[in-house]
N, C-alpha and C. Protein backbone atom coordinates (compact mmCIF):
# COMPACT_ATOMS: atom_id res chain seq x y z
N UNK A 1 0.81 -1.16 0.00
CA UNK A 1 -0.03 -0.02 -0.01
C UNK A 1 0.85 1.25 0.00
N UNK A 2 0.48 2.20 -0.76
CA UNK A 2 1.21 3.48 -0.82
C UNK A 2 0.38 4.51 -0.05
N UNK A 3 1.10 5.39 0.64
CA UNK A 3 0.45 6.45 1.42
C UNK A 3 0.44 7.68 0.59
N UNK A 4 -0.77 8.17 0.25
CA UNK A 4 -0.86 9.37 -0.62
C UNK A 4 -1.83 10.34 -0.01
N UNK A 5 -1.45 11.49 0.38
CA UNK A 5 -2.29 12.54 0.98
C UNK A 5 -3.19 12.10 2.09
N UNK A 6 -2.58 11.33 3.11
CA UNK A 6 -3.41 11.05 4.32
C UNK A 6 -4.12 9.71 4.19
N UNK A 7 -4.01 8.98 3.21
CA UNK A 7 -4.73 7.70 3.10
C UNK A 7 -3.78 6.73 2.43
N UNK A 8 -3.93 5.46 2.81
CA UNK A 8 -3.12 4.39 2.19
C UNK A 8 -3.86 3.82 1.06
N UNK A 9 -3.31 3.88 -0.15
CA UNK A 9 -3.88 3.37 -1.37
C UNK A 9 -3.10 2.11 -1.84
N UNK A 10 -3.76 1.26 -2.58
CA UNK A 10 -3.04 0.17 -3.16
C UNK A 10 -2.02 0.71 -4.11
N UNK A 11 -0.95 -0.06 -4.45
CA UNK A 11 0.02 0.41 -5.38
C UNK A 11 -0.61 0.91 -6.75
N UNK A 12 -1.59 0.10 -7.28
CA UNK A 12 -2.25 0.45 -8.51
C UNK A 12 -3.00 1.75 -8.43
N UNK A 13 -3.72 1.96 -7.32
CA UNK A 13 -4.48 3.18 -7.11
C UNK A 13 -3.55 4.35 -6.99
N UNK A 14 -2.47 4.22 -6.17
CA UNK A 14 -1.49 5.30 -6.02
C UNK A 14 -0.90 5.71 -7.34
N UNK A 15 -0.54 4.69 -8.12
CA UNK A 15 0.05 5.00 -9.42
C UNK A 15 -0.96 5.77 -10.37
N UNK A 16 -2.22 5.22 -10.32
CA UNK A 16 -3.20 5.90 -11.19
C UNK A 16 -3.47 7.35 -10.70
N UNK A 17 -3.52 7.54 -9.39
CA UNK A 17 -3.73 8.80 -8.89
C UNK A 17 -2.57 9.85 -9.19
N UNK A 18 -1.35 9.28 -9.16
CA UNK A 18 -0.19 10.09 -9.51
C UNK A 18 -0.27 10.50 -10.99
N UNK A 19 -0.76 9.56 -11.88
CA UNK A 19 -0.92 9.91 -13.32
C UNK A 19 -1.93 10.97 -13.49
N UNK A 20 -3.05 10.83 -12.76
CA UNK A 20 -4.14 11.82 -12.84
C UNK A 20 -3.59 13.17 -12.40
N UNK A 21 -2.92 13.23 -11.28
CA UNK A 21 -2.41 14.43 -10.72
C UNK A 21 -1.46 15.13 -11.79
N UNK A 22 -0.70 14.29 -12.46
CA UNK A 22 0.22 14.89 -13.50
C UNK A 22 -0.58 15.47 -14.65
N UNK A 23 -1.70 14.80 -15.08
CA UNK A 23 -2.53 15.26 -16.13
C UNK A 23 -3.16 16.57 -15.78
N UNK A 24 -3.64 16.72 -14.54
CA UNK A 24 -4.36 17.94 -14.17
C UNK A 24 -3.43 19.08 -13.73
N UNK A 25 -2.14 18.80 -13.72
CA UNK A 25 -1.12 19.83 -13.23
C UNK A 25 -1.18 21.04 -14.17
N UNK A 26 -1.59 20.86 -15.37
CA UNK A 26 -1.63 21.97 -16.32
C UNK A 26 -2.85 22.85 -16.24
N UNK A 27 -3.82 22.43 -15.36
CA UNK A 27 -5.12 23.14 -15.18
C UNK A 27 -4.76 24.54 -14.63
N UNK A 28 -5.28 25.59 -15.28
CA UNK A 28 -5.04 26.98 -14.91
C UNK A 28 -6.24 27.54 -14.10
N UNK A 29 -7.18 26.66 -13.71
CA UNK A 29 -8.32 27.02 -12.91
C UNK A 29 -9.14 28.19 -13.52
N UNK A 30 -9.32 28.05 -14.85
CA UNK A 30 -10.10 29.10 -15.59
C UNK A 30 -11.61 28.98 -15.29
N UNK A 31 -12.09 27.80 -14.93
CA UNK A 31 -13.50 27.58 -14.65
C UNK A 31 -14.40 27.26 -15.74
N UNK A 32 -13.77 27.07 -17.00
CA UNK A 32 -14.53 26.75 -18.15
C UNK A 32 -15.33 25.48 -17.94
N UNK A 33 -14.68 24.49 -17.31
CA UNK A 33 -15.31 23.16 -17.11
C UNK A 33 -16.51 23.28 -16.24
N UNK A 34 -16.37 24.10 -15.10
CA UNK A 34 -17.44 24.28 -14.14
C UNK A 34 -18.56 25.09 -14.86
N UNK A 35 -18.25 26.08 -15.62
CA UNK A 35 -19.30 26.88 -16.25
C UNK A 35 -20.01 26.15 -17.33
N UNK A 36 -19.44 25.08 -17.89
CA UNK A 36 -19.98 24.31 -18.99
C UNK A 36 -20.81 23.10 -18.46
N UNK A 37 -20.61 22.77 -17.24
CA UNK A 37 -21.14 21.48 -16.70
C UNK A 37 -22.60 21.66 -16.33
N UNK A 38 -23.50 20.80 -16.91
CA UNK A 38 -24.90 20.92 -16.68
C UNK A 38 -25.26 20.41 -15.22
N UNK A 39 -24.43 19.59 -14.62
CA UNK A 39 -24.75 19.08 -13.31
C UNK A 39 -23.92 19.71 -12.19
N UNK A 40 -23.15 20.73 -12.48
CA UNK A 40 -22.37 21.41 -11.50
C UNK A 40 -23.08 21.86 -10.28
N UNK A 41 -24.40 22.37 -10.43
CA UNK A 41 -25.06 22.86 -9.34
C UNK A 41 -25.36 21.76 -8.29
N UNK A 42 -25.43 20.52 -8.73
CA UNK A 42 -25.75 19.37 -7.87
C UNK A 42 -24.50 18.73 -7.23
N UNK A 43 -23.35 19.22 -7.66
CA UNK A 43 -22.06 18.63 -7.16
C UNK A 43 -21.61 19.32 -5.93
N UNK A 44 -20.87 18.57 -5.02
CA UNK A 44 -20.33 19.16 -3.95
C UNK A 44 -19.06 19.98 -4.24
N UNK A 45 -18.33 19.58 -5.31
CA UNK A 45 -17.22 20.31 -5.82
C UNK A 45 -17.46 20.43 -7.40
N UNK A 46 -17.32 21.66 -7.86
CA UNK A 46 -17.41 21.78 -9.30
C UNK A 46 -16.27 21.01 -10.00
N UNK A 47 -16.32 20.79 -11.26
CA UNK A 47 -15.15 20.13 -11.89
C UNK A 47 -13.85 20.95 -11.67
N UNK A 48 -13.93 22.24 -11.71
CA UNK A 48 -12.71 23.05 -11.55
C UNK A 48 -12.18 22.83 -10.08
N UNK A 49 -13.06 22.79 -9.11
CA UNK A 49 -12.64 22.65 -7.70
C UNK A 49 -12.12 21.22 -7.54
N UNK A 50 -12.67 20.23 -8.20
CA UNK A 50 -12.15 18.84 -8.13
C UNK A 50 -10.70 18.83 -8.72
N UNK A 51 -10.49 19.46 -9.82
CA UNK A 51 -9.18 19.55 -10.48
C UNK A 51 -8.15 20.13 -9.45
N UNK A 52 -8.60 21.12 -8.70
CA UNK A 52 -7.73 21.73 -7.76
C UNK A 52 -7.41 20.75 -6.53
N UNK A 53 -8.41 20.06 -6.10
CA UNK A 53 -8.17 19.00 -5.09
C UNK A 53 -7.12 18.01 -5.61
N UNK A 54 -7.24 17.56 -6.87
CA UNK A 54 -6.28 16.64 -7.41
C UNK A 54 -4.87 17.26 -7.48
N UNK A 55 -4.82 18.53 -7.92
CA UNK A 55 -3.54 19.23 -8.00
C UNK A 55 -2.91 19.34 -6.61
N UNK A 56 -3.70 19.49 -5.61
CA UNK A 56 -3.18 19.63 -4.22
C UNK A 56 -2.95 18.20 -3.58
N UNK A 57 -3.19 17.13 -4.29
CA UNK A 57 -2.93 15.83 -3.77
C UNK A 57 -3.99 15.38 -2.77
N UNK A 58 -5.14 16.04 -2.74
CA UNK A 58 -6.24 15.69 -1.84
C UNK A 58 -7.07 14.58 -2.49
N UNK A 59 -6.49 13.41 -2.69
CA UNK A 59 -7.16 12.37 -3.48
C UNK A 59 -8.26 11.74 -2.67
N UNK A 60 -8.14 11.54 -1.36
CA UNK A 60 -9.12 10.97 -0.54
C UNK A 60 -10.39 11.79 -0.59
N UNK A 61 -10.26 13.10 -0.51
CA UNK A 61 -11.39 14.02 -0.54
C UNK A 61 -12.07 13.95 -1.89
N UNK A 62 -11.26 13.87 -2.93
CA UNK A 62 -11.84 13.82 -4.33
C UNK A 62 -12.53 12.50 -4.49
N UNK A 63 -12.00 11.41 -4.00
CA UNK A 63 -12.72 10.15 -4.17
C UNK A 63 -13.96 9.93 -3.32
N UNK A 64 -14.09 10.76 -2.24
CA UNK A 64 -15.31 10.68 -1.41
C UNK A 64 -16.40 11.65 -1.92
N UNK A 65 -16.03 12.44 -2.86
CA UNK A 65 -16.99 13.46 -3.35
C UNK A 65 -18.16 12.90 -4.22
N UNK A 66 -19.23 13.63 -4.21
CA UNK A 66 -20.39 13.22 -5.00
C UNK A 66 -20.07 13.60 -6.42
N UNK A 67 -19.15 14.54 -6.70
CA UNK A 67 -18.89 15.01 -8.03
C UNK A 67 -18.64 13.88 -8.96
N UNK A 68 -17.80 13.00 -8.61
CA UNK A 68 -17.37 11.92 -9.59
C UNK A 68 -18.57 11.09 -10.03
N UNK A 69 -19.66 11.00 -9.14
CA UNK A 69 -20.81 10.21 -9.57
C UNK A 69 -21.89 11.04 -10.28
N UNK A 70 -21.74 12.38 -10.25
CA UNK A 70 -22.77 13.23 -10.84
C UNK A 70 -22.54 13.56 -12.34
N UNK A 71 -21.35 13.17 -12.75
CA UNK A 71 -20.96 13.48 -14.14
C UNK A 71 -21.89 12.70 -15.08
N UNK A 72 -22.46 13.42 -16.07
CA UNK A 72 -23.34 12.72 -17.04
C UNK A 72 -22.59 12.23 -18.28
N UNK A 73 -21.21 12.45 -18.31
CA UNK A 73 -20.37 12.10 -19.40
C UNK A 73 -20.78 12.73 -20.76
N UNK A 74 -21.25 14.05 -20.65
CA UNK A 74 -21.57 14.75 -21.82
C UNK A 74 -20.34 15.32 -22.59
N UNK A 75 -19.20 15.29 -21.95
CA UNK A 75 -17.95 15.73 -22.43
C UNK A 75 -17.79 17.20 -22.80
N UNK A 76 -18.76 18.04 -22.37
CA UNK A 76 -18.69 19.43 -22.57
C UNK A 76 -17.42 20.03 -21.99
N UNK A 77 -17.16 19.68 -20.75
CA UNK A 77 -15.96 20.19 -20.07
C UNK A 77 -14.65 19.83 -20.87
N UNK A 78 -14.62 18.59 -21.25
CA UNK A 78 -13.44 18.11 -22.04
C UNK A 78 -13.23 18.82 -23.38
N UNK A 79 -14.36 19.06 -24.08
CA UNK A 79 -14.34 19.78 -25.32
C UNK A 79 -13.90 21.20 -25.24
N UNK A 80 -14.34 21.86 -24.18
CA UNK A 80 -14.08 23.22 -23.94
C UNK A 80 -12.82 23.56 -23.19
N UNK A 81 -12.17 22.61 -22.64
CA UNK A 81 -11.00 22.85 -21.78
C UNK A 81 -9.83 23.43 -22.64
N UNK A 82 -9.41 24.73 -22.31
CA UNK A 82 -8.34 25.27 -23.10
C UNK A 82 -6.96 24.54 -22.92
N UNK A 83 -6.80 23.74 -21.96
CA UNK A 83 -5.58 23.04 -21.64
C UNK A 83 -5.63 21.54 -22.11
N UNK A 84 -6.80 21.20 -22.77
CA UNK A 84 -7.02 19.87 -23.33
C UNK A 84 -6.93 18.82 -22.26
N UNK A 85 -7.54 19.10 -21.08
CA UNK A 85 -7.58 18.09 -20.02
C UNK A 85 -8.86 17.23 -20.28
N UNK A 86 -8.68 16.00 -20.18
CA UNK A 86 -9.83 15.08 -20.41
C UNK A 86 -10.60 14.83 -19.11
N UNK A 87 -11.33 15.91 -18.69
CA UNK A 87 -11.94 15.94 -17.38
C UNK A 87 -12.94 14.77 -17.24
N UNK A 88 -13.79 14.56 -18.22
CA UNK A 88 -14.81 13.42 -18.17
C UNK A 88 -14.12 12.17 -17.96
N UNK A 89 -13.03 11.82 -18.67
CA UNK A 89 -12.32 10.56 -18.55
C UNK A 89 -11.64 10.44 -17.11
N UNK A 90 -11.20 11.54 -16.69
CA UNK A 90 -10.61 11.53 -15.32
C UNK A 90 -11.60 11.22 -14.27
N UNK A 91 -12.84 11.80 -14.44
CA UNK A 91 -13.84 11.49 -13.49
C UNK A 91 -14.26 10.00 -13.50
N UNK A 92 -14.26 9.46 -14.70
CA UNK A 92 -14.56 8.06 -14.88
C UNK A 92 -13.47 7.15 -14.17
N UNK A 93 -12.20 7.57 -14.34
CA UNK A 93 -11.16 6.78 -13.70
C UNK A 93 -11.26 6.92 -12.18
N UNK A 94 -11.58 8.09 -11.75
CA UNK A 94 -11.77 8.31 -10.24
C UNK A 94 -12.91 7.37 -9.72
N UNK A 95 -13.98 7.22 -10.48
CA UNK A 95 -15.05 6.31 -10.06
C UNK A 95 -14.56 4.89 -9.98
N UNK A 96 -13.73 4.50 -10.92
CA UNK A 96 -13.10 3.17 -10.87
C UNK A 96 -12.28 2.94 -9.68
N UNK A 97 -11.40 3.93 -9.43
CA UNK A 97 -10.53 3.91 -8.21
C UNK A 97 -11.38 3.82 -6.91
N UNK A 98 -12.43 4.61 -6.86
CA UNK A 98 -13.33 4.69 -5.63
C UNK A 98 -13.87 3.29 -5.40
N UNK A 99 -14.33 2.60 -6.44
CA UNK A 99 -14.88 1.29 -6.32
C UNK A 99 -13.77 0.25 -5.87
N UNK A 100 -12.67 0.31 -6.61
CA UNK A 100 -11.59 -0.61 -6.36
C UNK A 100 -10.99 -0.43 -4.93
N UNK A 101 -11.01 0.76 -4.44
CA UNK A 101 -10.46 1.00 -3.09
C UNK A 101 -11.46 0.86 -2.02
N UNK A 102 -12.67 0.46 -2.33
CA UNK A 102 -13.66 0.16 -1.33
C UNK A 102 -14.28 1.34 -0.65
N UNK A 103 -14.39 2.50 -1.30
CA UNK A 103 -15.04 3.64 -0.64
C UNK A 103 -16.48 3.31 -0.37
N UNK A 104 -17.05 3.99 0.62
CA UNK A 104 -18.44 3.71 1.00
C UNK A 104 -19.34 4.05 -0.19
N UNK A 105 -20.27 3.21 -0.26
CA UNK A 105 -21.24 3.37 -1.48
C UNK A 105 -22.11 4.60 -1.25
N UNK A 106 -22.03 5.50 -2.28
CA UNK A 106 -22.82 6.69 -2.27
C UNK A 106 -24.08 6.47 -3.15
N UNK A 107 -24.97 7.36 -3.11
CA UNK A 107 -26.17 7.25 -4.02
C UNK A 107 -25.75 7.17 -5.50
N UNK A 108 -24.72 7.95 -5.83
CA UNK A 108 -24.27 7.95 -7.21
C UNK A 108 -23.66 6.56 -7.62
N UNK A 109 -22.86 6.02 -6.76
CA UNK A 109 -22.23 4.75 -6.93
C UNK A 109 -23.36 3.65 -7.06
N UNK A 110 -24.35 3.69 -6.19
CA UNK A 110 -25.45 2.72 -6.34
C UNK A 110 -26.20 2.85 -7.60
N UNK A 111 -26.50 4.12 -8.03
CA UNK A 111 -27.14 4.32 -9.31
C UNK A 111 -26.24 3.77 -10.46
N UNK A 112 -25.00 4.05 -10.41
CA UNK A 112 -24.01 3.61 -11.45
C UNK A 112 -24.09 2.08 -11.52
N UNK A 113 -23.94 1.45 -10.42
CA UNK A 113 -23.90 -0.08 -10.42
C UNK A 113 -25.32 -0.59 -10.90
N UNK A 114 -26.39 -0.05 -10.40
CA UNK A 114 -27.66 -0.53 -10.83
C UNK A 114 -27.94 -0.32 -12.34
N UNK A 115 -27.57 0.82 -12.87
CA UNK A 115 -27.59 1.09 -14.27
C UNK A 115 -26.87 0.06 -15.12
N UNK A 116 -25.61 -0.19 -14.72
CA UNK A 116 -24.80 -1.16 -15.45
C UNK A 116 -25.34 -2.57 -15.34
N UNK A 117 -25.90 -2.98 -14.17
CA UNK A 117 -26.40 -4.27 -14.02
C UNK A 117 -27.65 -4.48 -14.95
N UNK A 118 -28.47 -3.43 -15.09
CA UNK A 118 -29.67 -3.57 -15.91
C UNK A 118 -29.25 -3.67 -17.31
N UNK A 119 -28.28 -2.87 -17.79
CA UNK A 119 -27.86 -2.91 -19.20
C UNK A 119 -27.22 -4.27 -19.47
N UNK A 120 -26.43 -4.78 -18.53
CA UNK A 120 -25.82 -6.08 -18.74
C UNK A 120 -26.86 -7.12 -18.94
N UNK A 121 -27.91 -7.02 -18.13
CA UNK A 121 -28.97 -8.14 -18.13
C UNK A 121 -29.80 -8.11 -19.37
N UNK A 122 -30.26 -6.88 -19.85
CA UNK A 122 -31.13 -6.73 -20.99
C UNK A 122 -30.49 -6.20 -22.26
N UNK A 123 -29.31 -5.65 -22.12
CA UNK A 123 -28.66 -5.05 -23.33
C UNK A 123 -29.18 -3.61 -23.53
N UNK A 124 -30.03 -3.14 -22.74
CA UNK A 124 -30.63 -1.80 -22.83
C UNK A 124 -31.22 -1.40 -21.49
N UNK A 125 -31.70 -0.19 -21.33
CA UNK A 125 -32.25 0.24 -20.11
C UNK A 125 -33.69 -0.23 -19.90
N UNK A 126 -34.03 -0.61 -18.61
CA UNK A 126 -35.37 -0.95 -18.19
C UNK A 126 -35.56 -0.25 -16.92
N UNK A 127 -36.20 1.00 -17.02
CA UNK A 127 -36.28 1.91 -15.94
C UNK A 127 -36.92 1.34 -14.70
N UNK A 128 -38.00 0.60 -14.76
CA UNK A 128 -38.57 0.11 -13.54
C UNK A 128 -37.61 -0.77 -12.67
N UNK A 129 -36.80 -1.57 -13.35
CA UNK A 129 -35.87 -2.38 -12.60
C UNK A 129 -34.70 -1.50 -12.04
N UNK A 130 -34.30 -0.53 -12.77
CA UNK A 130 -33.31 0.48 -12.34
C UNK A 130 -33.75 1.10 -11.02
N UNK A 131 -34.99 1.60 -10.98
CA UNK A 131 -35.49 2.24 -9.74
C UNK A 131 -35.55 1.24 -8.60
N UNK A 132 -36.02 0.03 -8.84
CA UNK A 132 -36.11 -0.96 -7.79
C UNK A 132 -34.76 -1.24 -7.29
N UNK A 133 -33.78 -1.54 -8.10
CA UNK A 133 -32.44 -1.81 -7.70
C UNK A 133 -31.83 -0.68 -6.86
N UNK A 134 -32.04 0.57 -7.33
CA UNK A 134 -31.46 1.64 -6.68
C UNK A 134 -32.12 1.89 -5.34
N UNK A 135 -33.42 1.93 -5.27
CA UNK A 135 -34.15 2.18 -4.01
C UNK A 135 -33.90 1.02 -2.93
N UNK A 136 -33.81 -0.19 -3.45
CA UNK A 136 -33.63 -1.25 -2.44
C UNK A 136 -32.25 -1.08 -1.64
N UNK A 137 -31.28 -0.55 -2.43
CA UNK A 137 -29.94 -0.29 -1.77
C UNK A 137 -29.83 0.98 -1.06
N UNK A 138 -30.52 2.01 -1.51
CA UNK A 138 -30.30 3.33 -0.94
C UNK A 138 -31.38 3.81 0.04
N UNK A 139 -32.61 3.76 -0.50
CA UNK A 139 -33.75 4.19 0.38
C UNK A 139 -34.97 3.42 0.04
N UNK A 140 -35.13 2.28 0.62
CA UNK A 140 -36.27 1.43 0.21
C UNK A 140 -37.65 2.03 0.18
N UNK A 141 -37.98 2.95 1.09
CA UNK A 141 -39.28 3.56 1.05
C UNK A 141 -39.39 4.70 0.04
N UNK A 142 -38.25 5.05 -0.59
CA UNK A 142 -38.22 6.09 -1.61
C UNK A 142 -38.98 5.60 -2.91
N UNK A 143 -39.08 4.31 -3.07
CA UNK A 143 -39.74 3.79 -4.21
C UNK A 143 -41.27 4.20 -4.16
N UNK A 144 -41.73 4.36 -3.00
CA UNK A 144 -43.13 4.77 -2.90
C UNK A 144 -43.39 6.14 -3.48
N UNK A 145 -42.42 7.08 -3.34
CA UNK A 145 -42.50 8.38 -3.88
C UNK A 145 -42.46 8.37 -5.39
N UNK A 146 -41.71 7.35 -5.98
CA UNK A 146 -41.58 7.30 -7.39
C UNK A 146 -42.81 6.61 -8.06
N UNK A 147 -43.62 5.91 -7.31
CA UNK A 147 -44.71 5.08 -7.85
C UNK A 147 -45.73 5.88 -8.67
N UNK A 148 -46.19 7.12 -8.17
CA UNK A 148 -47.13 7.89 -8.97
C UNK A 148 -46.59 8.27 -10.35
N UNK A 149 -45.27 8.67 -10.34
CA UNK A 149 -44.70 9.05 -11.60
C UNK A 149 -44.57 7.86 -12.58
N UNK A 150 -44.19 6.64 -11.98
CA UNK A 150 -44.11 5.47 -12.78
C UNK A 150 -45.44 5.08 -13.36
N UNK A 151 -46.43 5.17 -12.54
CA UNK A 151 -47.81 4.83 -13.00
C UNK A 151 -48.26 5.70 -14.14
N UNK A 152 -48.02 6.96 -13.94
CA UNK A 152 -48.39 7.94 -15.02
C UNK A 152 -47.62 7.62 -16.36
N UNK A 153 -46.34 7.36 -16.16
CA UNK A 153 -45.56 7.02 -17.40
C UNK A 153 -46.06 5.70 -18.03
N UNK A 154 -46.46 4.68 -17.21
CA UNK A 154 -46.97 3.46 -17.82
C UNK A 154 -48.27 3.69 -18.50
N UNK A 155 -49.17 4.44 -17.93
CA UNK A 155 -50.44 4.78 -18.48
C UNK A 155 -50.36 5.53 -19.80
N UNK A 156 -49.33 6.33 -19.96
CA UNK A 156 -49.08 7.05 -21.19
C UNK A 156 -48.27 6.22 -22.18
N UNK A 157 -47.89 5.07 -21.83
CA UNK A 157 -47.15 4.20 -22.78
C UNK A 157 -45.66 4.58 -22.89
N UNK A 158 -45.12 5.36 -21.89
CA UNK A 158 -43.76 5.82 -21.98
C UNK A 158 -42.85 4.70 -21.42
N UNK A 159 -43.29 3.86 -20.44
CA UNK A 159 -42.50 2.72 -19.97
C UNK A 159 -43.34 1.49 -20.08
N UNK A 160 -42.66 0.37 -20.12
CA UNK A 160 -43.33 -0.89 -20.25
C UNK A 160 -43.20 -1.70 -18.92
N UNK A 161 -44.15 -2.49 -18.59
CA UNK A 161 -43.99 -3.31 -17.35
C UNK A 161 -43.01 -4.48 -17.57
N UNK A 162 -42.75 -4.75 -18.80
CA UNK A 162 -41.81 -5.81 -19.13
C UNK A 162 -40.66 -5.28 -19.97
N UNK A 163 -39.41 -5.83 -19.65
CA UNK A 163 -38.22 -5.28 -20.39
C UNK A 163 -38.23 -5.75 -21.85
N UNK A 164 -37.67 -4.88 -22.68
CA UNK A 164 -37.34 -5.22 -24.08
C UNK A 164 -35.97 -5.73 -24.06
N UNK A 165 -35.75 -6.93 -24.68
CA UNK A 165 -34.43 -7.46 -24.74
C UNK A 165 -33.86 -7.31 -26.16
N UNK A 166 -32.55 -7.20 -26.24
CA UNK A 166 -31.93 -7.19 -27.55
C UNK A 166 -32.00 -8.59 -28.13
N UNK A 167 -31.86 -8.69 -29.43
CA UNK A 167 -31.69 -10.06 -29.99
C UNK A 167 -30.48 -10.76 -29.37
N UNK A 168 -30.48 -12.07 -29.38
CA UNK A 168 -29.47 -12.85 -28.66
C UNK A 168 -28.08 -12.38 -29.09
N UNK A 169 -27.78 -12.15 -30.38
CA UNK A 169 -26.44 -11.76 -30.81
C UNK A 169 -26.08 -10.39 -30.28
N UNK A 170 -27.02 -9.47 -30.20
CA UNK A 170 -26.73 -8.13 -29.62
C UNK A 170 -26.39 -8.22 -28.19
N UNK A 171 -27.22 -9.01 -27.43
CA UNK A 171 -27.01 -9.12 -26.00
C UNK A 171 -25.65 -9.81 -25.77
N UNK A 172 -25.28 -10.79 -26.57
CA UNK A 172 -23.96 -11.44 -26.44
C UNK A 172 -22.84 -10.46 -26.67
N UNK A 173 -23.05 -9.54 -27.60
CA UNK A 173 -22.01 -8.45 -27.79
C UNK A 173 -21.93 -7.57 -26.57
N UNK A 174 -23.01 -7.15 -26.04
CA UNK A 174 -22.98 -6.29 -24.78
C UNK A 174 -22.27 -7.04 -23.70
N UNK A 175 -22.58 -8.30 -23.48
CA UNK A 175 -21.97 -9.02 -22.39
C UNK A 175 -20.45 -9.24 -22.65
N UNK A 176 -20.03 -9.32 -23.93
CA UNK A 176 -18.60 -9.44 -24.23
C UNK A 176 -17.90 -8.10 -23.84
N UNK A 177 -18.60 -7.00 -24.13
CA UNK A 177 -18.01 -5.63 -23.73
C UNK A 177 -17.84 -5.63 -22.21
N UNK A 178 -18.78 -6.00 -21.46
CA UNK A 178 -18.70 -6.07 -19.97
C UNK A 178 -17.47 -6.99 -19.57
N UNK A 179 -17.38 -8.04 -20.20
CA UNK A 179 -16.35 -9.04 -19.81
C UNK A 179 -14.98 -8.47 -20.16
N UNK A 180 -14.89 -7.75 -21.29
CA UNK A 180 -13.58 -7.11 -21.64
C UNK A 180 -13.15 -5.99 -20.64
N UNK A 181 -14.18 -5.26 -20.26
CA UNK A 181 -13.94 -4.20 -19.30
C UNK A 181 -13.49 -4.77 -17.95
N UNK A 182 -14.17 -5.88 -17.48
CA UNK A 182 -13.85 -6.56 -16.26
C UNK A 182 -12.43 -7.12 -16.32
N UNK A 183 -12.00 -7.75 -17.42
CA UNK A 183 -10.74 -8.28 -17.59
C UNK A 183 -9.62 -7.17 -17.54
N UNK A 184 -10.00 -6.05 -18.12
CA UNK A 184 -9.06 -4.89 -18.06
C UNK A 184 -8.92 -4.37 -16.64
N UNK A 185 -10.04 -4.31 -15.93
CA UNK A 185 -10.00 -3.86 -14.52
C UNK A 185 -9.25 -4.87 -13.65
N UNK A 186 -9.30 -6.08 -13.94
CA UNK A 186 -8.49 -7.08 -13.12
C UNK A 186 -7.07 -6.88 -13.36
N UNK A 187 -6.71 -6.61 -14.63
CA UNK A 187 -5.31 -6.37 -15.02
C UNK A 187 -4.74 -5.16 -14.30
N UNK A 188 -5.54 -4.04 -14.19
CA UNK A 188 -5.03 -2.88 -13.58
C UNK A 188 -6.29 -2.23 -12.91
N UNK A 189 -6.71 -2.77 -11.75
CA UNK A 189 -7.96 -2.43 -11.09
C UNK A 189 -8.27 -0.95 -10.95
N UNK A 190 -7.30 -0.16 -10.52
CA UNK A 190 -7.53 1.18 -10.21
C UNK A 190 -7.28 2.13 -11.34
N UNK A 191 -6.68 1.62 -12.42
CA UNK A 191 -6.28 2.46 -13.53
C UNK A 191 -7.40 2.63 -14.52
N UNK A 192 -8.36 1.72 -14.59
CA UNK A 192 -9.44 1.85 -15.50
C UNK A 192 -10.68 2.37 -14.93
N UNK A 193 -11.53 2.93 -15.72
CA UNK A 193 -12.86 3.43 -15.22
C UNK A 193 -13.80 2.28 -15.13
N UNK A 194 -14.82 2.53 -14.29
CA UNK A 194 -15.86 1.49 -14.13
C UNK A 194 -16.94 1.78 -15.15
N UNK A 195 -16.86 0.99 -16.26
CA UNK A 195 -17.86 1.26 -17.35
C UNK A 195 -18.58 -0.01 -17.64
C-alpha cells in the first residue's frame, strides 16, 4: 500500500492517482469546465474545484466526493478545456478507483452499479428495474414516492412493465463488452474506469 495525501492506497491506485495528478497539473483554474457542466449545481465540488483537489494531492477528498458520480459524461468540459484536459475521462477513472479501493457506497455509486447491471442483463435500459435496484440499496421507502410518476408514465405508454431485450447476438455483444472491461479492470484495477 502506498501512502498518498493522508490515506493508504493500493500500489495500482496510488500509481493511477499520480498519473491523474500529473494530467491535471496543467489546469489553470479558468473555470470553463465548471461553467459548462450541466450538473455542477448538484455537485459538492465543481469540476474546477475537483481539479484543484487533485492538484493539491487531496485524493481521498476527491474520491469521497459526489462530484465523480454526478458526471453525465456529456464531455462538454473536455471539449471546452483550453488546456485539453480530459476531465470526463478523469472522473470516470476516479469512479473506478473509488470502487476498487472500497469507498463507502454513495447514491451515485449505487445508481451507477444498478444502471450497469440492468444494461448487462437486458442489453438496454429498463427503468422500472433500475429504480427498484437503486431504491432497495439506498432508500427502500423512496420507491413509494416514485410510484405515482411510474404509474403515469406506464399509463401514457412511456414505460413498459416488461423489459425489451436485444436479440441474442446483440445481447452477447453487450456481455462481451462487459467481460472485456472486467478483464481490463482485473489487470489494472484502479487504472481503468468502471464502465
